[in-house]
Protein backbone atom coordinates (compact mmCIF):
# COMPACT_ATOMS: atom_id res chain seq x y z
CA MET A 1 0.00 0.00 0.00
CA LEU A 2 1.35 3.40 -1.03
CA LEU A 3 0.86 6.91 0.38
CA LEU A 4 1.24 10.16 -1.57
CA GLY A 5 2.66 13.19 0.26
CA ILE A 6 2.64 16.71 -1.18
CA ASP A 7 4.72 19.61 0.14
CA LEU A 8 3.48 22.95 -1.16
CA GLY A 9 6.47 25.23 -0.77
CA THR A 10 7.06 28.83 -1.78
CA SER A 11 9.66 27.98 -4.40
CA SER A 12 8.38 24.63 -5.68
CA ILE A 13 6.18 21.59 -5.07
CA LYS A 14 7.73 18.35 -3.85
CA VAL A 15 5.89 15.03 -3.80
CA SER A 16 6.93 11.65 -2.44
CA VAL A 17 5.38 8.21 -2.65
CA VAL A 18 5.96 6.15 0.50
CA GLU A 19 5.43 2.45 1.14
CA ALA A 20 3.15 2.43 4.16
CA ALA A 21 4.41 -0.75 5.84
CA SER A 22 8.14 0.01 5.68
CA GLN A 23 7.87 3.82 5.49
CA THR A 24 10.37 3.70 2.63
CA ILE A 25 10.35 6.51 0.09
CA VAL A 26 9.72 4.79 -3.23
CA ALA A 27 10.04 7.87 -5.42
CA SER A 28 10.13 11.66 -5.19
CA ALA A 29 9.85 14.55 -7.62
CA THR A 30 9.98 18.35 -7.56
CA PHE A 31 8.25 20.74 -9.92
CA PRO A 32 9.17 23.15 -11.41
CA ASP A 33 12.93 22.79 -11.76
CA THR A 34 13.50 26.51 -11.22
CA GLU A 35 12.23 28.50 -8.26
CA VAL A 36 8.76 29.98 -8.61
CA ASP A 37 8.73 33.75 -8.56
CA ILE A 38 7.00 35.69 -5.82
CA ILE A 39 4.70 38.38 -7.24
CA VAL A 40 5.55 41.77 -5.70
CA PRO A 41 2.96 44.39 -6.77
CA HIS A 42 4.36 46.87 -4.24
CA PRO A 43 7.40 46.86 -1.94
CA GLY A 44 6.72 44.63 1.07
CA TRP A 45 3.94 42.70 -0.67
CA ALA A 46 4.22 39.03 -1.63
CA GLU A 47 1.70 37.03 -3.63
CA GLN A 48 1.44 33.80 -5.59
CA SER A 49 -1.22 32.25 -7.80
CA PRO A 50 -3.18 29.39 -6.16
CA ASP A 51 -4.16 28.12 -9.60
CA GLN A 52 -0.46 27.91 -10.46
CA TRP A 53 0.10 25.93 -7.25
CA TRP A 54 -2.53 23.45 -8.40
CA GLU A 55 -0.99 23.09 -11.86
CA HIS A 56 2.43 22.50 -10.31
CA VAL A 57 1.01 19.92 -7.89
CA LYS A 58 -0.41 17.96 -10.82
CA GLN A 59 2.84 18.20 -12.78
CA ALA A 60 4.89 17.08 -9.78
CA ILE A 61 2.67 14.01 -9.31
CA LEU A 62 2.92 13.07 -12.98
CA LYS A 63 6.69 13.59 -12.87
CA CYS A 64 6.89 11.24 -9.89
CA HIS A 65 4.78 8.64 -11.73
CA ALA A 66 7.17 8.90 -14.70
CA THR A 67 9.96 7.35 -12.62
CA GLY A 68 8.21 4.01 -13.11
CA ALA A 69 9.10 3.01 -9.55
CA TYR A 70 5.54 2.11 -8.52
CA ASP A 71 2.00 1.53 -9.75
CA PRO A 72 -0.02 4.75 -9.19
CA GLN A 73 -3.15 2.63 -8.69
CA ARG A 74 -1.65 1.35 -5.42
CA ILE A 75 -1.75 4.84 -3.84
CA ALA A 76 -4.35 4.65 -1.07
CA ALA A 77 -4.36 8.13 0.49
CA ILE A 78 -3.07 11.68 -0.05
CA GLY A 79 -1.57 14.09 2.51
CA ILE A 80 -0.73 17.77 2.11
CA ALA A 81 1.84 19.99 3.84
CA TYR A 82 1.83 23.66 2.91
CA GLN A 83 3.46 27.06 3.35
CA MET A 84 1.83 28.57 6.42
CA HIS A 85 -0.23 31.75 6.91
CA GLY A 86 -1.27 32.29 3.26
CA LEU A 87 -4.70 33.75 2.40
CA VAL A 88 -6.69 32.08 -0.40
CA LEU A 89 -10.14 33.44 -1.29
CA VAL A 90 -12.67 31.56 -3.44
CA ASP A 91 -16.21 32.30 -4.60
CA LYS A 92 -19.27 30.03 -4.45
CA ASP A 93 -18.06 28.20 -7.58
CA GLN A 94 -14.65 27.58 -5.94
CA HIS A 95 -12.93 30.00 -8.32
CA VAL A 96 -9.98 31.98 -6.98
CA LEU A 97 -10.86 35.65 -6.48
CA ARG A 98 -7.31 37.07 -6.29
CA ASN A 99 -3.73 35.96 -5.88
CA ALA A 100 -2.90 34.45 -2.50
CA ILE A 101 -1.30 36.84 -0.03
CA ILE A 102 1.51 34.65 1.28
CA TRP A 103 3.46 34.32 4.52
CA CYS A 104 6.18 36.90 3.82
CA ASP A 105 3.79 39.69 2.79
CA SER A 106 3.94 42.61 5.26
CA ARG A 107 1.07 44.84 4.12
CA ALA A 108 -1.17 44.00 7.10
CA VAL A 109 1.22 44.77 9.96
CA GLU A 110 -0.56 47.95 11.06
CA THR A 111 -3.96 46.28 10.63
CA GLY A 112 -2.92 43.56 13.06
CA ASN A 113 -1.37 46.02 15.49
CA ALA A 114 -4.60 48.01 15.63
CA ALA A 115 -6.61 44.85 16.36
CA PHE A 116 -4.12 43.91 19.09
CA GLN A 117 -4.95 47.15 20.85
CA GLU A 118 -8.70 46.99 20.17
CA ILE A 119 -9.12 43.43 21.45
CA GLY A 120 -6.62 44.04 24.24
CA GLU A 121 -3.10 42.71 24.48
CA GLN A 122 -3.80 40.39 27.42
CA LYS A 123 -7.01 39.06 25.85
CA CYS A 124 -5.18 38.32 22.60
CA LEU A 125 -2.30 36.55 24.29
CA THR A 126 -4.42 34.45 26.67
CA HIS A 127 -7.07 33.48 24.11
CA LEU A 128 -5.33 33.59 20.71
CA LEU A 129 -1.85 32.84 22.17
CA ASN A 130 -0.52 35.45 19.74
CA SER A 131 -1.00 39.02 18.63
CA PRO A 132 -2.94 39.24 15.31
CA GLY A 133 0.28 40.59 13.82
CA ASN A 134 0.72 40.10 10.11
CA PHE A 135 -1.07 36.77 9.99
CA THR A 136 -3.95 35.56 7.82
CA ALA A 137 -6.75 37.28 9.74
CA SER A 138 -5.05 40.66 9.35
CA LYS A 139 -4.49 39.99 5.63
CA LEU A 140 -8.20 39.24 5.22
CA ALA A 141 -9.03 42.50 7.00
CA TRP A 142 -6.73 44.32 4.55
CA VAL A 143 -8.69 42.84 1.62
CA LYS A 144 -11.98 43.83 3.29
CA LYS A 145 -10.82 47.45 3.57
CA HIS A 146 -8.92 47.90 0.31
CA GLU A 147 -10.67 45.46 -2.08
CA PRO A 148 -14.35 45.53 -1.07
CA ASP A 149 -15.52 44.19 -4.45
CA VAL A 150 -13.37 41.09 -3.90
CA TYR A 151 -14.42 40.74 -0.27
CA LYS A 152 -18.15 40.71 -1.00
CA LYS A 153 -17.69 37.77 -3.43
CA ILE A 154 -15.89 35.56 -0.86
CA HIS A 155 -17.59 32.26 -0.18
CA HIS A 156 -14.73 30.61 1.70
CA VAL A 157 -11.48 31.76 3.30
CA LEU A 158 -8.86 29.03 2.95
CA LEU A 159 -5.27 28.32 3.92
CA PRO A 160 -3.06 27.05 1.06
CA GLY A 161 -3.46 23.38 2.04
CA ASP A 162 -7.23 23.78 2.29
CA PHE A 163 -7.24 25.05 -1.29
CA ILE A 164 -5.24 22.14 -2.71
CA ALA A 165 -7.42 19.62 -0.85
CA MET A 166 -10.51 21.32 -2.31
CA LYS A 167 -9.08 21.02 -5.83
CA PHE A 168 -8.56 17.28 -5.32
CA THR A 169 -11.98 16.62 -3.81
CA GLY A 170 -14.39 19.45 -4.55
CA GLU A 171 -14.96 19.82 -0.78
CA ALA A 172 -13.81 22.75 1.32
CA SER A 173 -12.75 22.18 4.93
CA THR A 174 -10.26 23.50 7.42
CA THR A 175 -8.71 22.49 10.77
CA ILE A 176 -8.11 23.97 14.20
CA SER A 177 -4.40 23.97 13.40
CA ALA A 178 -4.98 26.01 10.23
CA LEU A 179 -7.33 28.44 11.95
CA SER A 180 -4.85 28.92 14.78
CA GLU A 181 -2.00 29.75 12.40
CA GLY A 182 -4.27 32.32 10.78
CA ILE A 183 -5.04 33.78 14.27
CA PHE A 184 -8.73 32.98 13.96
CA TRP A 185 -8.91 30.45 16.84
CA ASP A 186 -9.80 31.08 20.49
CA PHE A 187 -8.03 28.40 22.54
CA ARG A 188 -9.90 29.20 25.75
CA GLU A 189 -13.34 28.97 24.16
CA ASN A 190 -12.38 26.26 21.61
CA LYS A 191 -14.08 28.05 18.75
CA ILE A 192 -13.48 30.63 16.06
CA SER A 193 -12.71 33.81 17.96
CA ASP A 194 -15.66 36.15 18.49
CA ASP A 195 -13.15 38.89 19.33
CA VAL A 196 -11.37 38.55 15.98
CA LEU A 197 -14.68 38.41 14.09
CA SER A 198 -15.87 41.54 15.89
CA ALA A 199 -12.62 43.51 15.59
CA PHE A 200 -12.34 42.91 11.85
CA GLY A 201 -16.06 42.76 11.00
CA PHE A 202 -15.95 39.19 9.67
CA THR A 203 -18.81 36.67 9.67
CA GLU A 204 -18.29 33.03 10.59
CA ARG A 205 -19.95 31.89 7.37
CA LEU A 206 -16.69 32.70 5.56
CA PHE A 207 -15.04 29.62 7.01
CA PRO A 208 -15.62 26.06 5.79
CA GLY A 209 -16.36 23.17 8.14
CA ILE A 210 -13.70 22.25 10.71
CA ARG A 211 -12.25 18.73 10.69
CA ASN A 212 -9.38 17.00 12.46
CA VAL A 213 -5.93 17.33 10.89
CA PHE A 214 -5.92 13.53 10.57
CA ALA A 215 -9.30 13.03 8.92
CA VAL A 216 -10.92 12.47 5.54
CA HIS A 217 -11.18 15.93 3.97
CA GLY A 218 -12.87 14.57 0.88
CA GLU A 219 -12.42 11.92 -1.77
CA LEU A 220 -10.57 12.23 -5.05
CA LYS A 221 -12.86 13.38 -7.86
CA THR A 222 -13.11 11.09 -10.88
CA GLN A 223 -11.97 13.75 -13.33
CA VAL A 224 -8.88 14.56 -11.26
CA ALA A 225 -8.14 10.87 -10.67
CA GLU A 226 -8.18 10.15 -14.39
CA ARG A 227 -5.89 13.08 -15.13
CA LEU A 228 -3.42 11.91 -12.47
CA MET A 229 -3.70 8.15 -13.09
CA LEU A 230 -4.95 7.59 -9.52
CA LYS A 231 -7.93 5.70 -8.14
CA ALA A 232 -11.08 7.76 -7.86
CA GLY A 233 -12.43 7.97 -4.33
CA ILE A 234 -9.15 7.69 -2.40
CA PRO A 235 -9.13 10.13 0.53
CA VAL A 236 -7.25 13.33 1.13
CA SER A 237 -6.74 12.45 4.77
CA TYR A 238 -4.23 14.95 6.15
CA LYS A 239 -3.24 18.57 5.79
CA ALA A 240 -0.95 20.65 7.99
CA GLY A 241 1.34 23.67 7.85
CA ASP A 242 4.95 23.00 6.91
CA GLN A 243 6.48 23.42 10.37
CA PRO A 244 3.97 21.25 12.30
CA ASN A 245 4.30 18.72 9.49
CA ASN A 246 8.09 18.79 9.70
CA ALA A 247 7.75 18.09 13.42
CA LEU A 248 5.53 15.09 12.66
CA SER A 249 8.10 13.73 10.20
CA LEU A 250 10.73 13.98 12.97
CA ASN A 251 8.50 12.34 15.61
CA VAL A 252 8.20 15.59 17.56
CA LEU A 253 4.78 15.11 19.10
CA GLN A 254 5.11 15.16 22.88
CA PRO A 255 5.80 17.95 25.40
CA GLY A 256 9.47 18.91 25.54
CA GLU A 257 10.37 17.53 22.10
CA VAL A 258 12.00 20.00 19.69
CA ALA A 259 12.62 20.14 15.94
CA ALA A 260 14.77 22.56 13.96
CA THR A 261 15.06 23.56 10.31
CA ALA A 262 17.78 25.73 8.79
CA GLY A 263 16.79 26.76 5.29
CA THR A 264 16.35 30.31 4.00
CA SER A 265 14.94 31.08 7.42
CA GLY A 266 15.65 29.12 10.57
CA VAL A 267 12.94 27.61 12.77
CA ILE A 268 12.87 26.09 16.22
CA TYR A 269 9.63 24.23 16.89
CA GLY A 270 8.86 22.76 20.31
CA VAL A 271 5.79 21.08 21.76
CA THR A 272 4.08 21.87 25.06
CA ASP A 273 0.91 20.70 26.83
CA GLN A 274 0.20 24.22 28.11
CA LEU A 275 -1.71 27.07 26.45
CA SER A 276 1.58 28.92 26.35
CA TYR A 277 2.44 32.32 24.91
CA ASP A 278 5.34 34.74 25.04
CA PRO A 279 4.43 38.05 26.74
CA GLN A 280 6.57 39.89 24.16
CA SER A 281 5.18 37.92 21.17
CA ARG A 282 8.70 36.97 20.09
CA ILE A 283 7.48 33.43 19.43
CA ASN A 284 4.17 32.07 18.16
CA SER A 285 1.89 29.36 19.52
CA PHE A 286 -0.29 27.25 17.23
CA ALA A 287 -2.29 24.05 17.54
CA HIS A 288 0.02 21.13 16.75
CA VAL A 289 -1.06 18.31 14.44
CA ASN A 290 -2.09 16.12 17.41
CA HIS A 291 -3.79 18.87 19.44
CA ASP A 292 -7.10 17.71 20.90
CA PRO A 293 -8.60 20.18 23.39
CA ALA A 294 -10.84 17.47 24.84
CA ILE A 295 -8.05 14.94 25.45
CA ASP A 296 -4.49 16.21 25.04
CA ILE A 297 -3.42 19.83 24.62
CA ARG A 298 -0.52 19.94 22.19
CA ILE A 299 0.69 23.40 21.27
CA GLY A 300 3.51 23.98 18.81
CA ILE A 301 5.80 26.82 19.91
CA LEU A 302 7.43 28.29 16.81
CA LEU A 303 10.37 30.67 16.71
CA CYS A 304 11.37 31.91 13.28
CA ILE A 305 14.74 33.49 12.40
CA ASN A 306 14.48 35.31 9.06
CA GLY A 307 18.22 35.80 8.70
CA ALA A 308 19.53 32.24 8.54
CA GLY A 309 20.41 30.26 5.41
CA ILE A 310 19.80 33.31 3.25
CA PHE A 311 23.08 34.72 4.66
CA ASN A 312 24.88 31.51 3.68
CA ARG A 313 23.35 31.77 0.19
CA TRP A 314 24.53 35.40 -0.01
CA MET A 315 28.05 34.17 0.78
CA LYS A 316 27.77 31.55 -1.95
CA ASN A 317 26.78 34.23 -4.48
CA LEU A 318 29.58 36.47 -3.28
CA ALA A 319 32.13 33.69 -3.67
CA GLY A 320 31.28 33.27 -7.35
CA GLU A 321 29.15 31.16 -9.66
CA ASN A 322 31.57 28.23 -9.62
CA ASN A 323 31.31 27.83 -5.87
CA SER A 324 29.03 25.13 -4.48
CA TYR A 325 27.64 24.75 -0.97
CA ASP A 326 29.86 21.70 -0.56
CA GLY A 327 32.85 23.82 -1.49
CA LEU A 328 31.89 26.56 0.97
CA ASN A 329 31.34 24.03 3.74
CA ALA A 330 34.79 22.53 3.10
CA ALA A 331 36.37 25.99 3.12
CA ALA A 332 34.69 26.84 6.44
CA ALA A 333 35.96 23.59 7.93
CA SER A 334 39.53 24.52 6.95
CA THR A 335 39.54 27.34 9.55
CA GLU A 336 39.44 27.22 13.34
CA ILE A 337 36.58 27.93 15.75
CA GLY A 338 36.03 31.67 15.90
CA ALA A 339 37.33 32.36 12.36
CA ASP A 340 40.42 34.16 13.70
CA GLY A 341 38.36 36.80 15.50
CA LEU A 342 35.76 37.42 12.78
CA LEU A 343 32.12 37.62 13.95
CA ALA A 344 29.01 37.74 11.74
CA ILE A 345 25.52 39.00 12.65
CA PRO A 346 23.00 37.37 10.25
CA PHE A 347 19.88 39.53 10.60
CA GLY A 348 19.71 40.99 7.09
CA ASN A 349 16.35 39.64 5.95
CA GLY A 350 13.81 42.07 7.36
CA ALA A 351 12.40 42.64 10.84
CA GLU A 352 13.14 39.85 13.30
CA ARG A 353 10.19 38.93 15.51
CA MET A 354 12.46 37.42 18.16
CA LEU A 355 14.27 40.80 18.35
CA ASN A 356 10.97 42.63 18.98
CA ASN A 357 10.69 43.38 15.25
CA LEU A 358 13.94 45.37 15.13
CA MET A 359 16.06 45.27 11.97
CA PRO A 360 19.74 45.27 12.99
CA GLY A 361 20.86 44.13 9.56
CA ALA A 362 23.74 41.77 8.76
CA HIS A 363 27.26 42.74 9.81
CA PHE A 364 30.81 41.48 9.99
CA HIS A 365 32.83 42.54 13.05
CA GLY A 366 36.60 42.45 13.26
CA LEU A 367 37.31 42.01 9.54
CA ASP A 368 41.07 42.16 8.90
CA PHE A 369 42.11 42.32 5.24
CA ASN A 370 45.51 40.84 6.09
CA VAL A 371 44.07 37.82 7.91
CA HIS A 372 40.63 36.92 6.74
CA SER A 373 39.67 35.05 3.58
CA ILE A 374 36.40 33.84 2.10
CA ALA A 375 36.82 30.69 4.20
CA HIS A 376 36.92 32.77 7.39
CA MET A 377 33.85 34.71 6.28
CA VAL A 378 31.87 31.54 5.57
CA ARG A 379 32.81 30.07 8.93
CA ALA A 380 31.85 33.30 10.71
CA VAL A 381 28.51 33.35 8.87
CA GLN A 382 27.68 29.75 9.77
CA GLU A 383 28.74 30.24 13.39
CA GLY A 384 26.74 33.48 13.53
CA ILE A 385 23.63 31.69 12.28
CA ALA A 386 24.17 28.97 14.89
CA PHE A 387 24.44 31.68 17.56
CA SER A 388 21.16 33.20 16.38
CA PHE A 389 19.59 29.80 17.08
CA ARG A 390 21.14 29.90 20.57
CA TYR A 391 19.58 33.34 21.09
CA GLY A 392 16.24 31.89 20.02
CA MET A 393 16.62 28.76 22.13
CA ASP A 394 17.12 30.95 25.19
CA ILE A 395 13.76 32.60 24.45
CA MET A 396 12.20 29.15 24.10
CA ARG A 397 13.66 28.19 27.49
CA GLU A 398 12.13 31.32 29.03
CA ASN A 399 8.80 29.98 27.80
CA GLY A 400 9.21 26.48 29.24
CA ILE A 401 10.66 24.66 26.23
CA ASP A 402 13.95 23.14 27.38
CA THR A 403 15.57 20.13 25.83
CA SER A 404 18.84 18.25 25.53
CA VAL A 405 17.93 16.84 22.09
CA VAL A 406 16.99 18.62 18.86
CA ARG A 407 15.78 16.63 15.84
CA ALA A 408 16.41 17.70 12.27
CA ALA A 409 16.64 16.46 8.71
CA ARG A 410 20.10 16.35 7.15
CA THR A 411 19.35 19.17 4.68
CA ASN A 412 20.29 22.79 3.97
CA LEU A 413 22.63 24.24 6.63
CA PHE A 414 22.60 20.97 8.54
CA LEU A 415 24.68 19.56 5.66
CA SER A 416 27.55 21.69 6.98
CA ASN A 417 29.65 20.09 9.71
CA VAL A 418 30.77 23.55 10.86
CA PHE A 419 27.22 24.82 11.30
CA THR A 420 25.96 21.59 12.87
CA GLN A 421 28.80 21.43 15.40
CA ALA A 422 28.39 25.10 16.28
CA PHE A 423 24.63 24.58 16.68
CA ALA A 424 25.06 21.55 18.95
CA SER A 425 27.84 23.06 21.03
CA ALA A 426 26.46 26.58 21.44
CA ASN A 427 23.08 25.18 22.52
CA ASP A 428 24.55 22.26 24.50
CA VAL A 429 22.20 19.83 22.76
CA ARG A 430 22.51 16.54 20.93
CA VAL A 431 21.38 16.87 17.31
CA GLU A 432 19.65 13.77 15.94
CA PHE A 433 19.20 13.46 12.19
CA TYR A 434 16.31 11.62 10.53
CA GLU A 435 15.55 10.70 6.95
CA GLY A 436 12.59 12.31 5.24
CA ASP A 437 11.28 15.76 4.50
CA GLY A 438 7.97 17.62 4.25
CA SER A 439 6.53 15.41 1.54
CA PHE A 440 7.47 12.31 3.55
CA GLY A 441 5.72 13.73 6.62
CA ALA A 442 2.63 14.51 4.55
CA ALA A 443 2.54 10.91 3.28
CA ILE A 444 2.76 9.54 6.84
CA GLY A 445 0.05 11.99 7.89
CA ALA A 446 -2.16 10.65 5.10
CA GLY A 447 -1.71 7.14 6.48
CA ILE A 448 -2.76 8.28 9.95
CA GLY A 449 -5.82 10.12 8.66
CA ALA A 450 -6.88 7.13 6.55
CA ALA A 451 -6.52 4.80 9.59
CA ILE A 452 -3.72 2.85 7.90
CA TYR A 453 -1.81 3.68 11.09
CA PRO A 454 -3.83 3.70 14.32
CA ASN A 455 -2.51 7.10 15.46
CA ALA A 456 0.41 9.52 15.14
CA VAL A 457 2.43 7.92 17.93
CA ALA A 458 2.15 4.46 16.36
CA ALA A 459 3.05 5.86 12.94
CA THR A 460 6.27 7.50 14.11
CA ARG A 461 7.51 5.50 17.11
CA GLU A 462 9.78 3.25 15.04
CA ARG A 463 11.66 6.14 13.47
CA LYS A 464 15.35 5.98 14.34
CA ALA A 465 18.07 8.61 14.07
CA ILE A 466 20.48 7.98 11.19
CA ALA A 467 23.23 10.17 12.68
CA THR A 468 23.93 12.09 15.88
CA VAL A 469 26.14 15.10 16.62
CA HIS A 470 27.18 15.79 20.22
CA PRO A 471 28.42 19.06 21.75
CA GLU A 472 32.19 19.49 21.59
CA LYS A 473 34.42 22.26 22.92
CA ALA A 474 31.36 23.74 24.62
CA ASP A 475 33.43 26.21 26.65
CA ASP A 476 35.02 27.64 23.51
CA TYR A 477 31.64 28.08 21.83
CA ALA A 478 30.11 29.55 25.02
CA GLU A 479 32.83 32.20 25.18
CA LEU A 480 32.47 32.96 21.49
CA TYR A 481 28.68 33.23 21.82
CA GLU A 482 28.99 35.82 24.60
CA LYS A 483 31.22 37.94 22.34
CA TRP A 484 28.72 37.58 19.49
CA LYS A 485 25.79 38.44 21.76
CA ALA A 486 27.58 41.54 23.07
CA ARG A 487 28.02 42.77 19.48
CA LEU A 488 24.35 42.11 18.73
CA ASN A 489 23.24 43.90 21.89
CA ASP A 490 25.33 46.93 20.90
CA GLN A 491 23.42 47.12 17.62
CA LEU A 492 20.03 46.59 19.25
CA ASN A 493 20.77 49.35 21.75
CA VAL A 494 21.63 51.75 18.93
CA LEU A 495 18.35 50.91 17.16
CA SER A 496 16.35 51.35 20.35
CA GLN A 497 17.97 54.76 20.95
CA LYS A 498 17.09 55.80 17.40
CA ASP A 499 13.44 54.87 18.03
CA LEU A 500 13.43 56.93 21.22
CA PHE A 501 15.03 59.87 19.43
CA SER A 502 12.46 59.76 16.62
CA LEU A 503 9.64 59.69 19.18
CA SER A 504 11.07 62.70 20.99
CA PHE A 505 11.91 64.71 17.88
CA PRO A 506 9.40 64.03 15.11
């Protein structure tokens, strides 16, 4: 029996077909081969076409079939992981009304800030576990104000995964997890938030029916099945945001367990059994894939670092077209801890939520033209990114998420021994690596939702780490981190003083 997992990313779609019994990946494919562009109508805006997503999903599935590694008729269930926080609007005929406003769009910041004050900061944090911020609810409010002709045609408000499931099945549904990531969900009342509806002037009819993350969200339509060489009637039985789904793929389901990713941005994702929130809103709390308010509270605590792998990619571009990531990683490893006194601050990718939305930018400190080479710069960048994770882990610890083990997939920055060792040593944690990615997690989720596995714990308990990295030279990294943190604090203090000055002298 086979399971089909789909990972709807910002740059591409990845699909994997997994053998349910052995949890072996039979085949995978990515479409398109080049990164999908983000539509930027105005500075700070970010949109993509949901219809293009759907076309790319179909092409990725057909590309996977073309490997000839399996019989598509043996696929028994479909699962979907998706880029979080996107806003998809459809009319009564399920036609898309406008481009999706995606996760990195910043047009609704002030809209969310105003709602935070109107609802009340304490009420937001205790009931929504977040400020409305720049999340999906605020984006919908922006459409309501600025595009009233679009707003009045809305039949359903969907998250990206809800949309793809609807295209497969013809049925629209959502989940508590999806509503919570959009900041529509009241965790104290266990319902769509009356406060959010009132503050923004929404009606509850805009939202489709709510189902469990692991549930049948509809059955594959005959026309779609024929186009994709699949069996009509198989269920779409799982959909979750990319970070909760990544945690599922790494068997991060229980309180105290922690996952990390280190791609363009960096993410730390921990699980708690408390309705936890950060008083400063530096981290976000969402319903995890196995959250059940009647049985087991499972909240995913997510800390995002915008300036992570993008800094490493910038270094790769700076080093020249002939340089590969493998080459950069080898160059970094040729230098010693601390890069001969060179420090790098990685926050050059917009406002950092964990820094109270300040923008310190990216910086090198201590650059000596007579000493430092590209290799030193790469090492300083990778160590600086690792230290930004340490900064974030300290915030997680303040909020009750403390661990000696972090689980990750051996991808992106975790392919670098320098970064991985700095991450493990600076945080004093053991890093356990597992096989699989977002599309693998989505396939396993499909098996849970279709009752091929009895539950999430049973589906993931046999997963074993394929490699482990332990802290080494912890004292050296601790001393280096304190130097790095002092440099960062200097910059944050300067920014804070500028804000005070601008308030005093408009």
